N, C-alpha and C. Protein backbone atom coordinates (compact mmCIF):
# COMPACT_ATOMS: atom_id res chain seq x y z
N UNK A 1 134.58 263.28 77.69
CA UNK A 1 133.99 264.58 78.21
C UNK A 1 132.62 264.45 79.18
N UNK A 2 132.36 264.95 80.26
CA UNK A 2 130.80 265.41 81.06
C UNK A 2 130.54 266.40 80.70
N UNK A 3 129.35 266.03 80.57
CA UNK A 3 128.43 267.50 80.66
C UNK A 3 127.96 268.14 81.89
N UNK A 4 128.59 269.48 82.08
CA UNK A 4 128.47 269.91 83.55
C UNK A 4 127.58 270.69 84.13
N UNK A 5 126.62 270.94 83.00
CA UNK A 5 125.57 271.99 83.12
C UNK A 5 124.32 272.22 82.30
N UNK A 6 123.80 272.04 82.04
CA UNK A 6 122.22 272.46 81.06
C UNK A 6 121.64 273.50 81.36
N UNK A 7 121.38 274.05 80.18
CA UNK A 7 121.01 275.98 80.20
C UNK A 7 119.29 275.70 81.10
N UNK A 8 119.30 276.74 81.71
CA UNK A 8 118.02 277.23 82.82
C UNK A 8 116.90 277.06 81.80
N UNK A 9 116.94 277.37 80.95
CA UNK A 9 115.30 277.52 80.28
C UNK A 9 114.95 276.02 79.59
N UNK A 10 116.04 275.42 79.29
CA UNK A 10 115.73 273.79 79.04
C UNK A 10 115.29 272.81 79.99
N UNK A 11 116.62 273.53 81.24
CA UNK A 11 116.03 272.33 82.24
C UNK A 11 114.40 272.99 83.20
N UNK A 12 114.10 274.18 82.86
CA UNK A 12 112.74 274.38 83.62
C UNK A 12 112.11 273.84 82.16
N UNK A 13 111.98 273.89 80.97
CA UNK A 13 110.98 272.96 80.24
C UNK A 13 110.88 271.53 80.67
N UNK A 14 112.31 271.15 80.64
CA UNK A 14 111.98 269.36 80.48
C UNK A 14 111.25 269.09 82.06
N UNK A 15 111.86 269.83 82.79
CA UNK A 15 111.15 269.90 84.18
C UNK A 15 109.53 269.88 84.36
N UNK A 16 109.06 271.16 83.43
CA UNK A 16 107.64 270.73 83.39
C UNK A 16 106.67 269.95 82.63
N UNK A 17 107.77 269.61 81.51
CA UNK A 17 107.37 268.15 80.33
C UNK A 17 107.42 267.03 81.69
N UNK A 18 108.11 266.89 82.44
CA UNK A 18 107.97 265.37 82.76
C UNK A 18 106.97 265.50 83.68
N UNK A 19 106.41 266.31 84.34
CA UNK A 19 104.90 266.34 85.57
C UNK A 19 106.23 265.95 87.22
N UNK A 20 107.67 266.67 87.09
CA UNK A 20 107.85 266.59 88.31
C UNK A 20 107.34 267.13 89.68
N UNK A 21 106.69 268.19 89.11
CA UNK A 21 106.14 268.80 90.39
C UNK A 21 104.70 267.81 90.83
N UNK A 22 104.36 267.27 89.96
CA UNK A 22 103.54 266.17 90.84
C UNK A 22 104.04 265.33 91.61
N UNK A 23 105.58 264.91 92.20
CA UNK A 23 106.11 264.12 92.99
C UNK A 23 106.84 265.07 94.04
N UNK A 24 106.67 266.46 93.35
CA UNK A 24 107.53 267.30 94.52
C UNK A 24 109.12 267.03 94.36
N UNK A 25 109.63 267.23 93.04
CA UNK A 25 111.04 266.92 93.00
C UNK A 25 111.75 268.77 92.60
N UNK A 26 111.99 268.99 93.04
CA UNK A 26 112.71 270.29 92.74
C UNK A 26 113.40 270.20 91.51
N UNK A 27 113.36 271.61 91.37
CA UNK A 27 113.95 271.72 90.04
C UNK A 27 115.48 271.53 89.77
N UNK A 28 116.14 271.64 90.94
CA UNK A 28 117.71 271.67 91.29
C UNK A 28 117.97 270.09 91.27
N UNK A 29 117.03 269.15 91.55
CA UNK A 29 116.95 267.76 91.56
C UNK A 29 117.01 266.69 90.13
N UNK A 30 116.14 267.54 89.39
CA UNK A 30 115.81 266.99 88.03
C UNK A 30 116.88 267.31 87.46
N UNK A 31 116.95 268.68 87.19
CA UNK A 31 118.45 268.88 86.52
C UNK A 31 119.86 268.22 86.69
N UNK A 32 120.02 268.03 87.94
CA UNK A 32 121.30 266.93 88.02
C UNK A 32 121.08 265.58 87.58
N UNK A 33 120.08 265.16 87.54
CA UNK A 33 119.67 264.00 87.35
C UNK A 33 119.74 263.92 85.57
N UNK A 34 119.51 265.01 85.04
CA UNK A 34 119.72 265.48 83.80
C UNK A 34 120.94 265.25 83.23
N UNK A 35 121.49 266.22 83.84
CA UNK A 35 123.67 266.31 84.01
C UNK A 35 124.01 265.23 83.79
N UNK A 36 123.82 263.96 85.04
CA UNK A 36 124.18 262.61 85.26
C UNK A 36 123.89 262.17 83.76
N UNK A 37 122.84 261.63 83.82
CA UNK A 37 122.36 261.20 81.94
C UNK A 37 123.17 261.37 80.94
N UNK A 38 123.09 262.79 80.52
CA UNK A 38 123.62 263.32 79.34
C UNK A 38 125.30 262.80 79.64
N UNK A 39 125.92 263.23 80.95
CA UNK A 39 127.61 263.02 80.79
C UNK A 39 127.90 261.23 80.64
N UNK A 40 127.06 260.38 81.48
CA UNK A 40 126.95 258.72 80.63
C UNK A 40 127.02 258.50 79.44
N UNK A 41 125.92 259.30 78.93
CA UNK A 41 125.87 259.30 77.68
C UNK A 41 127.07 259.61 76.59
N UNK A 42 127.53 261.11 76.97
CA UNK A 42 128.70 261.71 76.13
C UNK A 42 129.98 261.48 76.95
N UNK A 43 130.10 260.19 77.93
CA UNK A 43 131.48 260.23 78.66
C UNK A 43 132.76 260.23 77.95
N UNK A 44 132.48 259.42 76.53
CA UNK A 44 133.36 259.74 75.71
C UNK A 44 133.50 260.48 74.38
N UNK A 45 132.65 261.50 74.09
CA UNK A 45 132.57 262.64 73.23
C UNK A 45 132.56 263.80 73.68
N UNK A 46 132.88 265.11 72.82
CA UNK A 46 132.52 266.37 73.13
C UNK A 46 131.24 266.68 72.57
N UNK A 47 130.05 266.64 73.25
CA UNK A 47 128.99 266.79 72.35
C UNK A 47 128.89 268.56 72.22
N UNK A 48 127.78 268.65 71.42
CA UNK A 48 127.40 270.41 71.75
C UNK A 48 126.50 270.30 72.29
N UNK A 49 126.04 271.79 72.54
CA UNK A 49 124.99 272.18 73.49
C UNK A 49 123.72 271.62 72.38
N UNK A 50 123.93 271.47 70.99
CA UNK A 50 122.10 270.87 70.65
C UNK A 50 122.45 269.36 70.69
N UNK A 51 123.48 268.79 70.50
CA UNK A 51 123.86 267.55 70.87
C UNK A 51 122.37 266.67 72.05
N UNK A 52 123.48 267.69 73.02
CA UNK A 52 123.02 267.50 74.54
C UNK A 52 121.29 267.66 74.62
N UNK A 53 120.89 268.53 73.87
CA UNK A 53 119.31 269.05 74.20
C UNK A 53 118.78 267.92 73.55
N UNK A 54 119.16 267.57 72.32
CA UNK A 54 118.49 266.13 71.01
C UNK A 54 118.45 264.90 72.01
N UNK A 55 119.23 264.86 73.05
CA UNK A 55 119.63 263.32 73.29
C UNK A 55 118.49 263.48 74.65
N UNK A 56 118.59 264.71 75.60
CA UNK A 56 117.89 264.68 76.91
C UNK A 56 115.89 264.84 76.25
N UNK A 57 115.78 265.28 75.44
CA UNK A 57 114.60 265.18 74.69
C UNK A 57 114.28 263.77 74.20
N UNK A 58 115.28 262.77 74.07
CA UNK A 58 114.70 261.21 73.79
C UNK A 58 114.22 260.73 74.99
N UNK A 59 114.50 261.23 76.01
CA UNK A 59 114.68 260.56 77.74
C UNK A 59 112.97 260.42 77.73
N UNK A 60 112.52 259.48 78.34
CA UNK A 60 111.21 259.55 79.23
C UNK A 60 110.91 260.13 80.23
N UNK A 61 110.59 261.19 80.07
CA UNK A 61 111.16 262.67 81.38
C UNK A 61 109.91 262.26 82.34
N UNK A 62 108.97 261.59 81.97
CA UNK A 62 107.73 260.93 83.11
C UNK A 62 108.49 260.58 83.82
N UNK A 63 108.93 259.02 83.20
CA UNK A 63 109.49 258.33 83.93
C UNK A 63 111.05 258.69 84.95
N UNK A 64 111.68 259.51 84.46
CA UNK A 64 112.53 259.58 85.00
C UNK A 64 112.50 260.31 86.17
N UNK A 65 111.44 261.35 86.27
CA UNK A 65 110.66 261.95 87.27
C UNK A 65 110.18 261.11 88.36
N UNK A 66 109.38 259.77 88.06
CA UNK A 66 108.85 259.08 88.98
C UNK A 66 109.91 258.17 89.62
N UNK A 67 111.21 257.78 88.98
CA UNK A 67 112.50 257.38 89.14
C UNK A 67 113.21 258.32 90.55
N UNK A 68 113.17 259.15 90.46
CA UNK A 68 113.47 260.15 91.30
C UNK A 68 112.47 260.54 92.51
N UNK A 69 111.83 260.56 92.32
CA UNK A 69 110.73 260.70 93.22
C UNK A 69 110.86 259.11 94.25
N UNK A 70 110.87 257.74 93.54
CA UNK A 70 111.18 256.76 94.11
C UNK A 70 112.20 256.79 94.80
N UNK A 71 113.49 257.16 94.40
CA UNK A 71 114.57 256.91 95.09
C UNK A 71 114.76 258.14 96.03
N UNK A 72 113.81 259.21 96.34
CA UNK A 72 113.84 260.18 97.24
C UNK A 72 112.94 259.61 98.55
N UNK A 73 112.34 258.04 98.01
CA UNK A 73 111.01 257.89 99.55
C UNK A 73 109.64 258.58 99.80
N UNK A 74 109.49 258.70 98.26
CA UNK A 74 107.74 259.77 98.06
C UNK A 74 107.07 258.19 97.95
N UNK A 75 106.35 258.20 98.93
CA UNK A 75 105.22 257.57 99.14
C UNK A 75 104.17 257.15 97.86
N UNK A 76 103.80 258.10 97.50
CA UNK A 76 102.85 258.45 96.27
C UNK A 76 103.52 258.16 95.40
N UNK A 77 104.58 258.30 95.35
CA UNK A 77 105.13 257.95 93.73
C UNK A 77 105.66 256.12 94.08
N UNK A 78 105.95 255.60 94.95
CA UNK A 78 106.25 253.81 95.17
C UNK A 78 104.83 253.61 95.01
N UNK A 79 103.65 254.18 95.76
CA UNK A 79 102.12 253.27 95.28
C UNK A 79 101.81 253.25 93.95
N UNK A 80 101.89 254.93 93.35
CA UNK A 80 101.91 254.39 91.93
C UNK A 80 102.41 253.45 90.95
N UNK A 81 104.59 253.60 90.90
CA UNK A 81 105.00 252.53 90.73
C UNK A 81 104.74 251.39 90.48
N UNK A 82 104.25 250.61 91.95
CA UNK A 82 104.07 249.19 91.76
C UNK A 82 102.45 249.20 91.31
N UNK A 83 101.77 250.34 91.20
CA UNK A 83 100.18 249.60 90.96
C UNK A 83 100.02 250.04 89.42
N UNK A 84 100.83 250.20 88.79
CA UNK A 84 100.66 250.91 87.50
C UNK A 84 101.90 250.06 86.58
N UNK A 85 103.32 250.43 87.24
CA UNK A 85 104.55 249.92 85.83
C UNK A 85 104.28 248.24 85.84
N UNK A 86 104.84 247.82 85.04
CA UNK A 86 104.88 246.50 83.95
C UNK A 86 106.61 246.48 83.72
N UNK A 87 106.66 245.64 82.92
CA UNK A 87 106.63 244.21 83.49
C UNK A 87 106.28 243.81 85.09
N UNK A 88 105.96 242.77 85.18
CA UNK A 88 105.30 242.50 86.78
C UNK A 88 105.64 240.84 87.05
N UNK A 89 106.64 240.42 87.34
CA UNK A 89 106.79 238.93 87.50
C UNK A 89 106.47 238.61 89.37
N UNK A 90 105.88 237.23 88.97
CA UNK A 90 105.33 236.86 90.47
C UNK A 90 105.54 235.47 90.53
N UNK A 91 105.91 235.05 91.63
CA UNK A 91 106.15 233.64 91.54
C UNK A 91 105.90 233.21 92.87
N UNK A 92 104.61 232.05 92.82
CA UNK A 92 104.31 231.09 93.99
C UNK A 92 104.32 229.71 94.29
N UNK A 93 105.07 229.19 95.30
CA UNK A 93 104.86 228.06 95.64
C UNK A 93 104.58 227.35 96.95
N UNK A 94 104.18 226.26 96.91
CA UNK A 94 103.70 225.46 97.86
C UNK A 94 104.77 224.21 97.84
N UNK A 95 105.45 224.25 99.07
CA UNK A 95 106.29 223.10 99.05
C UNK A 95 105.98 222.26 100.53
N UNK A 96 106.83 221.31 100.32
CA UNK A 96 106.78 220.00 101.86
C UNK A 96 108.05 219.41 101.75
N UNK A 97 108.08 219.01 103.00
CA UNK A 97 109.74 218.24 103.31
C UNK A 97 109.53 217.38 104.71
N UNK A 98 109.50 216.53 104.51
CA UNK A 98 109.24 215.37 105.53
C UNK A 98 110.85 215.50 106.32
N UNK A 99 110.93 215.89 107.66
CA UNK A 99 111.57 215.55 109.16
C UNK A 99 112.58 214.55 108.63
N UNK A 100 113.84 214.41 109.36
CA UNK A 100 115.20 213.87 109.07
C UNK A 100 114.59 212.85 109.98
N UNK A 101 115.28 211.28 109.31
CA UNK A 101 115.13 210.15 109.96
C UNK A 101 115.11 210.09 111.74
N UNK A 102 116.04 210.89 111.90
CA UNK A 102 117.15 211.15 112.97
C UNK A 102 115.64 211.18 114.08
N UNK A 103 114.81 212.28 113.52
CA UNK A 103 113.48 213.10 114.45
C UNK A 103 112.46 212.07 114.38
N UNK A 104 112.51 211.29 113.22
CA UNK A 104 110.88 210.30 113.07
C UNK A 104 111.29 209.31 113.96
N UNK A 105 112.63 208.72 114.14
CA UNK A 105 112.91 207.53 115.25
C UNK A 105 112.17 207.32 116.28
N UNK A 106 111.27 205.91 116.45
CA UNK A 106 110.35 205.92 117.33
C UNK A 106 111.12 205.25 118.80
N UNK A 107 112.04 205.54 119.29
CA UNK A 107 112.86 204.65 120.43
C UNK A 107 113.15 206.02 121.24
N UNK A 108 113.21 205.53 122.57
CA UNK A 108 113.04 206.19 123.74
C UNK A 108 114.63 205.73 123.91
N UNK A 109 115.11 206.51 125.00
CA UNK A 109 115.79 206.68 126.07
C UNK A 109 116.00 207.17 127.45
N UNK A 110 115.75 206.25 128.65
CA UNK A 110 114.92 207.40 129.86
C UNK A 110 115.92 207.11 130.92
N UNK A 111 115.82 207.71 131.67
CA UNK A 111 116.80 207.87 133.06
C UNK A 111 115.64 207.26 133.88
N UNK A 112 116.43 206.41 135.00
CA UNK A 112 115.39 205.65 135.76
C UNK A 112 115.17 206.64 137.28
N UNK A 113 116.51 207.23 137.30
CA UNK A 113 117.49 208.04 138.39
C UNK A 113 116.26 209.66 138.29
N UNK A 114 116.31 210.19 137.39
CA UNK A 114 115.40 211.15 137.25
C UNK A 114 114.03 211.43 136.72
N UNK A 115 114.14 209.75 136.14
CA UNK A 115 112.49 210.11 135.31
C UNK A 115 112.46 210.74 133.71
N UNK A 116 113.28 211.08 133.67
CA UNK A 116 113.46 212.08 132.27
C UNK A 116 114.31 211.04 130.85
N UNK A 117 114.28 211.47 129.53
CA UNK A 117 114.54 211.04 128.72
C UNK A 117 114.50 211.73 127.64
N UNK A 118 114.68 211.00 126.02
CA UNK A 118 114.41 212.15 124.96
C UNK A 118 114.51 210.57 123.89
N UNK A 119 114.02 210.75 122.99
CA UNK A 119 113.71 209.95 121.54
C UNK A 119 113.07 210.94 120.80
N UNK A 120 113.11 210.24 119.75
CA UNK A 120 112.55 210.59 118.22
C UNK A 120 110.60 210.53 118.36
N UNK A 121 110.14 210.96 117.44
CA UNK A 121 108.64 211.32 117.28
C UNK A 121 107.69 210.72 115.65
N UNK A 122 107.47 209.74 115.87
CA UNK A 122 107.09 209.11 114.56
C UNK A 122 105.79 210.10 114.37
N UNK A 123 105.44 210.76 114.78
CA UNK A 123 103.95 211.40 114.54
C UNK A 123 104.47 212.72 113.89
N UNK A 124 105.43 213.19 114.09
CA UNK A 124 105.87 214.35 113.47
C UNK A 124 105.17 214.66 111.61
N UNK A 125 105.09 215.90 112.14
CA UNK A 125 103.98 216.20 110.47
C UNK A 125 104.64 216.57 109.70
N UNK A 126 104.65 216.45 108.10
CA UNK A 126 105.20 217.51 107.17
C UNK A 126 105.81 218.59 107.11
N UNK A 127 107.21 219.13 107.18
CA UNK A 127 106.83 220.85 107.32
C UNK A 127 106.55 221.18 105.73
N UNK A 128 105.47 222.36 105.68
CA UNK A 128 104.99 222.45 104.99
C UNK A 128 105.24 224.56 104.34
N UNK A 129 105.42 224.89 103.60
CA UNK A 129 105.84 226.39 103.08
C UNK A 129 105.37 226.86 102.17
N UNK A 130 104.56 227.92 102.10
CA UNK A 130 103.49 228.43 101.16
C UNK A 130 104.87 229.76 100.99
N UNK A 131 104.96 229.90 99.83
CA UNK A 131 106.04 230.69 99.63
C UNK A 131 105.15 231.90 97.84
N UNK A 132 105.66 233.21 97.94
CA UNK A 132 104.64 234.33 97.21
C UNK A 132 106.18 235.14 97.25
N UNK A 133 106.60 235.39 95.88
CA UNK A 133 107.70 236.30 95.57
C UNK A 133 107.17 237.25 94.52
N UNK A 134 107.28 238.85 94.38
CA UNK A 134 106.65 239.84 93.17
C UNK A 134 107.79 240.28 93.35
N UNK A 135 107.70 240.78 91.83
CA UNK A 135 108.77 241.83 91.65
C UNK A 135 108.25 242.41 90.61
N UNK A 136 108.83 244.07 90.54
CA UNK A 136 109.00 244.89 89.31
C UNK A 136 109.89 245.52 88.67
N UNK A 137 110.23 245.94 87.87
CA UNK A 137 111.62 245.83 87.00
C UNK A 137 111.18 247.26 86.07
N UNK A 138 111.49 248.46 85.99
CA UNK A 138 110.99 249.26 85.25
C UNK A 138 112.38 250.26 84.83
N UNK A 139 112.79 249.59 83.09
CA UNK A 139 113.58 250.30 82.76
C UNK A 139 112.84 251.97 82.10
N UNK A 140 113.67 253.14 82.97
CA UNK A 140 113.05 254.07 82.41
C UNK A 140 113.82 255.02 81.24
N UNK A 141 115.16 253.89 81.29
CA UNK A 141 115.98 254.97 80.32
C UNK A 141 116.98 253.76 80.04
N UNK A 142 118.15 253.87 79.00
CA UNK A 142 118.67 252.97 78.61
C UNK A 142 119.61 252.68 79.88
N UNK A 143 120.14 251.25 80.07
CA UNK A 143 120.92 250.73 81.44
C UNK A 143 119.98 251.56 82.64
N UNK A 144 119.08 251.86 82.57
CA UNK A 144 118.48 252.58 84.01
C UNK A 144 117.26 251.70 84.34
N UNK A 145 117.27 251.97 85.57
CA UNK A 145 115.70 250.96 85.90
C UNK A 145 115.57 251.38 87.54
N UNK A 146 114.37 251.01 87.91
CA UNK A 146 113.94 251.28 89.44
C UNK A 146 113.30 249.49 89.09
N UNK A 147 113.39 249.35 90.43
CA UNK A 147 112.89 248.08 91.11
C UNK A 147 112.18 247.99 92.46
N UNK A 148 111.12 247.18 92.33
CA UNK A 148 110.61 246.61 93.54
C UNK A 148 110.33 245.53 93.41
N UNK A 149 110.83 244.80 95.26
CA UNK A 149 110.23 243.34 95.21
C UNK A 149 109.71 242.63 96.41
N UNK A 150 108.73 242.17 96.91
CA UNK A 150 108.08 241.70 97.97
C UNK A 150 108.47 240.15 98.26
N UNK A 151 108.06 239.78 99.10
CA UNK A 151 108.48 237.97 99.35
C UNK A 151 107.33 237.58 100.73
N UNK A 152 106.74 236.57 100.71
CA UNK A 152 105.86 236.56 101.87
C UNK A 152 106.21 234.60 102.12
N UNK A 153 106.41 234.68 103.13
CA UNK A 153 106.58 233.23 103.59
C UNK A 153 106.35 232.39 104.74
N UNK A 154 105.64 231.39 104.69
CA UNK A 154 104.04 231.40 105.72
C UNK A 154 104.78 229.95 105.61
N UNK A 155 105.08 229.26 107.24
CA UNK A 155 106.11 228.03 107.65
C UNK A 155 105.25 227.23 108.71
N UNK A 156 104.71 226.16 108.52
CA UNK A 156 103.96 225.19 109.04
C UNK A 156 104.10 223.82 109.63
N UNK A 157 104.05 223.60 110.55
CA UNK A 157 105.06 222.25 111.05
C UNK A 157 106.15 222.12 111.19
N UNK A 158 106.73 223.54 111.34
CA UNK A 158 108.15 223.45 111.25
C UNK A 158 108.23 223.07 113.42
N UNK A 159 109.76 221.80 112.85
CA UNK A 159 110.34 221.21 113.74
C UNK A 159 110.96 221.71 114.67
N UNK A 160 110.67 221.87 116.07
CA UNK A 160 111.15 222.33 116.97
C UNK A 160 111.30 221.32 118.36
N UNK A 161 111.89 221.59 119.39
CA UNK A 161 111.92 220.92 120.23
C UNK A 161 110.94 220.35 121.72
N UNK A 162 110.20 220.06 122.08
CA UNK A 162 109.19 220.00 123.43
C UNK A 162 109.52 218.78 124.14
N UNK A 163 108.62 218.87 124.86
CA UNK A 163 108.55 217.71 126.12
C UNK A 163 107.20 217.34 126.32
N UNK A 164 106.97 216.07 126.57
CA UNK A 164 105.42 215.28 127.13
C UNK A 164 105.91 214.09 127.66
N UNK A 165 104.94 214.25 128.47
CA UNK A 165 105.02 212.88 129.71
C UNK A 165 103.94 211.84 129.40
N UNK A 166 105.08 210.58 129.93
CA UNK A 166 104.36 209.13 129.14
C UNK A 166 105.01 208.38 130.71
N UNK A 167 103.96 207.14 130.51
CA UNK A 167 104.13 206.16 131.65
C UNK A 167 105.23 205.18 131.20
N UNK A 168 106.54 205.23 131.93
CA UNK A 168 107.20 203.99 131.56
C UNK A 168 107.72 202.64 132.69
N UNK A 169 108.05 201.67 132.15
CA UNK A 169 108.43 200.91 133.66
C UNK A 169 109.70 200.95 134.51
N UNK A 170 110.10 201.61 135.23
CA UNK A 170 111.11 202.28 136.10
C UNK A 170 111.88 200.92 136.87
N UNK A 171 112.94 200.41 136.19
CA UNK A 171 113.35 199.30 136.54
C UNK A 171 113.75 199.14 137.75
N UNK A 172 114.84 200.32 137.85
CA UNK A 172 115.07 200.13 139.68
C UNK A 172 113.79 199.91 140.87
N UNK A 173 113.00 200.87 140.64
CA UNK A 173 112.18 200.56 141.55
C UNK A 173 110.76 199.42 141.07
N UNK A 174 110.80 198.77 140.05
CA UNK A 174 110.15 197.77 139.82
C UNK A 174 108.73 198.06 139.81
N UNK A 175 108.63 199.20 138.99
CA UNK A 175 107.03 199.58 139.15
C UNK A 175 106.58 200.95 137.60
N UNK A 176 105.77 201.07 137.03
CA UNK A 176 105.32 202.30 136.37
C UNK A 176 105.56 203.24 136.92
N UNK A 177 106.32 204.44 136.40
CA UNK A 177 106.20 205.74 136.12
C UNK A 177 106.01 207.04 135.62
N UNK A 178 105.70 208.03 135.78
CA UNK A 178 105.75 209.00 134.60
C UNK A 178 107.02 209.76 134.45
N UNK A 179 107.08 210.08 133.31
CA UNK A 179 108.63 210.42 132.82
C UNK A 179 108.60 211.93 131.73
N UNK A 180 109.51 212.24 131.89
CA UNK A 180 109.31 213.66 131.22
C UNK A 180 110.08 213.18 130.02
N UNK A 181 109.67 213.24 128.59
CA UNK A 181 110.46 213.22 127.78
C UNK A 181 110.54 214.07 126.84
N UNK A 182 112.06 214.36 126.19
CA UNK A 182 112.26 215.40 125.09
C UNK A 182 112.25 214.83 123.99
N UNK A 183 111.72 215.47 123.07
CA UNK A 183 111.63 215.08 121.78
C UNK A 183 110.94 216.08 120.43
N UNK A 184 111.13 215.94 119.22
CA UNK A 184 110.82 216.71 118.17
C UNK A 184 109.70 217.17 118.04
N UNK A 185 108.88 218.15 117.95
CA UNK A 185 107.37 218.38 117.88
C UNK A 185 107.22 219.47 116.73
N UNK A 186 106.00 219.36 116.08
CA UNK A 186 105.84 220.67 114.91
C UNK A 186 105.33 221.89 115.89
N UNK A 187 105.90 222.59 115.65
CA UNK A 187 105.31 224.18 116.33
C UNK A 187 104.37 225.21 115.42
N UNK A 188 103.97 226.00 115.91
CA UNK A 188 103.08 226.52 115.08
C UNK A 188 103.48 227.35 113.95
N UNK A 189 102.79 227.94 112.73
CA UNK A 189 103.41 228.69 111.69
C UNK A 189 104.44 229.70 112.31
N UNK A 190 105.01 229.81 110.78
CA UNK A 190 105.66 231.07 111.09
C UNK A 190 105.90 231.79 109.76
N UNK A 191 105.73 232.94 110.14
CA UNK A 191 105.27 234.25 108.48
C UNK A 191 106.80 234.97 108.72
N UNK A 192 106.59 235.36 107.36
CA UNK A 192 108.01 236.56 106.89
C UNK A 192 107.41 237.14 105.95
N UNK A 193 107.67 238.05 106.04
CA UNK A 193 107.46 238.90 104.71
C UNK A 193 108.33 240.27 104.96
N UNK A 194 108.53 240.75 103.46
CA UNK A 194 109.88 241.84 103.25
C UNK A 194 109.38 242.65 102.08
N UNK A 195 109.62 244.09 101.83
CA UNK A 195 109.56 244.83 100.77
C UNK A 195 110.79 245.18 100.42
N UNK A 196 111.35 245.01 99.29
CA UNK A 196 112.64 245.77 99.26
C UNK A 196 112.60 247.02 98.37
N UNK A 197 113.35 248.13 97.87
CA UNK A 197 113.00 249.02 96.87
C UNK A 197 114.24 250.12 96.14
N UNK A 198 114.68 249.53 95.39
CA UNK A 198 115.64 250.13 94.89
C UNK A 198 115.24 250.80 93.73
N UNK A 199 116.35 251.81 93.13
CA UNK A 199 116.15 253.12 92.51
C UNK A 199 117.57 253.38 91.71
N UNK A 200 117.54 253.80 90.49
CA UNK A 200 118.54 255.02 90.16
C UNK A 200 118.66 255.88 89.80
N UNK A 201 117.79 256.57 90.35
CA UNK A 201 118.05 258.11 90.70
C UNK A 201 119.14 257.93 91.30
N UNK A 202 120.25 258.43 90.95
CA UNK A 202 121.51 258.64 91.63
C UNK A 202 122.39 259.72 91.06
N UNK A 203 123.00 260.54 91.52
CA UNK A 203 124.51 261.68 91.35
C UNK A 203 125.23 260.56 90.65
N UNK A 204 125.52 259.53 90.94
CA UNK A 204 126.39 258.15 90.08
C UNK A 204 125.94 258.19 89.36
N UNK A 205 126.65 257.84 88.07
CA UNK A 205 126.53 257.26 86.84
C UNK A 205 126.84 255.49 86.65
N UNK A 206 127.24 254.96 87.95
CA UNK A 206 128.17 253.68 87.68
C UNK A 206 127.61 253.20 88.93
N UNK A 207 126.23 252.59 89.36
CA UNK A 207 126.08 252.05 90.48
C UNK A 207 126.09 250.45 90.47
N UNK A 208 126.68 249.58 91.19
CA UNK A 208 127.32 248.27 91.14
C UNK A 208 126.19 247.24 91.37
N UNK A 209 125.05 248.04 91.99
CA UNK A 209 124.32 246.78 92.56
C UNK A 209 123.13 246.60 91.39
N UNK A 210 122.72 245.03 91.18
CA UNK A 210 122.05 244.61 89.58
C UNK A 210 120.61 245.02 89.69
N UNK A 211 120.30 245.50 90.69
CA UNK A 211 118.87 246.06 91.07
C UNK A 211 118.70 247.55 90.41
N UNK A 212 119.88 248.28 90.78
CA UNK A 212 120.06 249.90 90.24
C UNK A 212 121.06 250.17 89.67
N UNK A 213 121.27 250.33 88.87
CA UNK A 213 121.97 251.33 87.61
C UNK A 213 121.97 252.77 87.16
N UNK A 214 122.47 253.65 86.66
CA UNK A 214 121.79 254.70 86.17
C UNK A 214 123.32 255.01 84.91
N UNK A 215 122.37 255.50 83.93
CA UNK A 215 122.99 256.07 83.00
C UNK A 215 122.05 257.19 82.62
């Protein structure tokens, strides 16, 4: 049996106690979140008004208010969450990978008619990657969480294709000539970063994403 309402005086008291006004969370929004939490808790029971009140008073109300603010996209709430909440998990790595053998091959195939050709590049440098991942998961109530994740990726010496000019012997004309050769080459660095934010403040008690589930 779900909980469909919460007495107004109790809702206002919990709203004040949570500090929801700090994040500009309306009473109606906070009350709905309380109803969702209570409904999930008593999904298979018929609680008395006292049972509901006792359960609601066990919640971390300030955390619940912050989760609702994050869910609504409140920038100051997210800054507070990222700066203060724990646990924080960080991962950093620097990796290196050699180009494949076909790219490193030193042979060249040339066309004496067009003075073009293609081949490998034995001077290719290893591909290097600097990776940084950071995520925060905050469990503000049983089976409820709000999370933030960031990643940063910096690739250097990525293998692309380019051209260069070199002197080769032109068999057709029996002389040396300038040929334009297509070959693998190391490109400039490539950087990528992303921030994702997920929250469990929703009117639905069952959210399928692993990073956001609400009760």
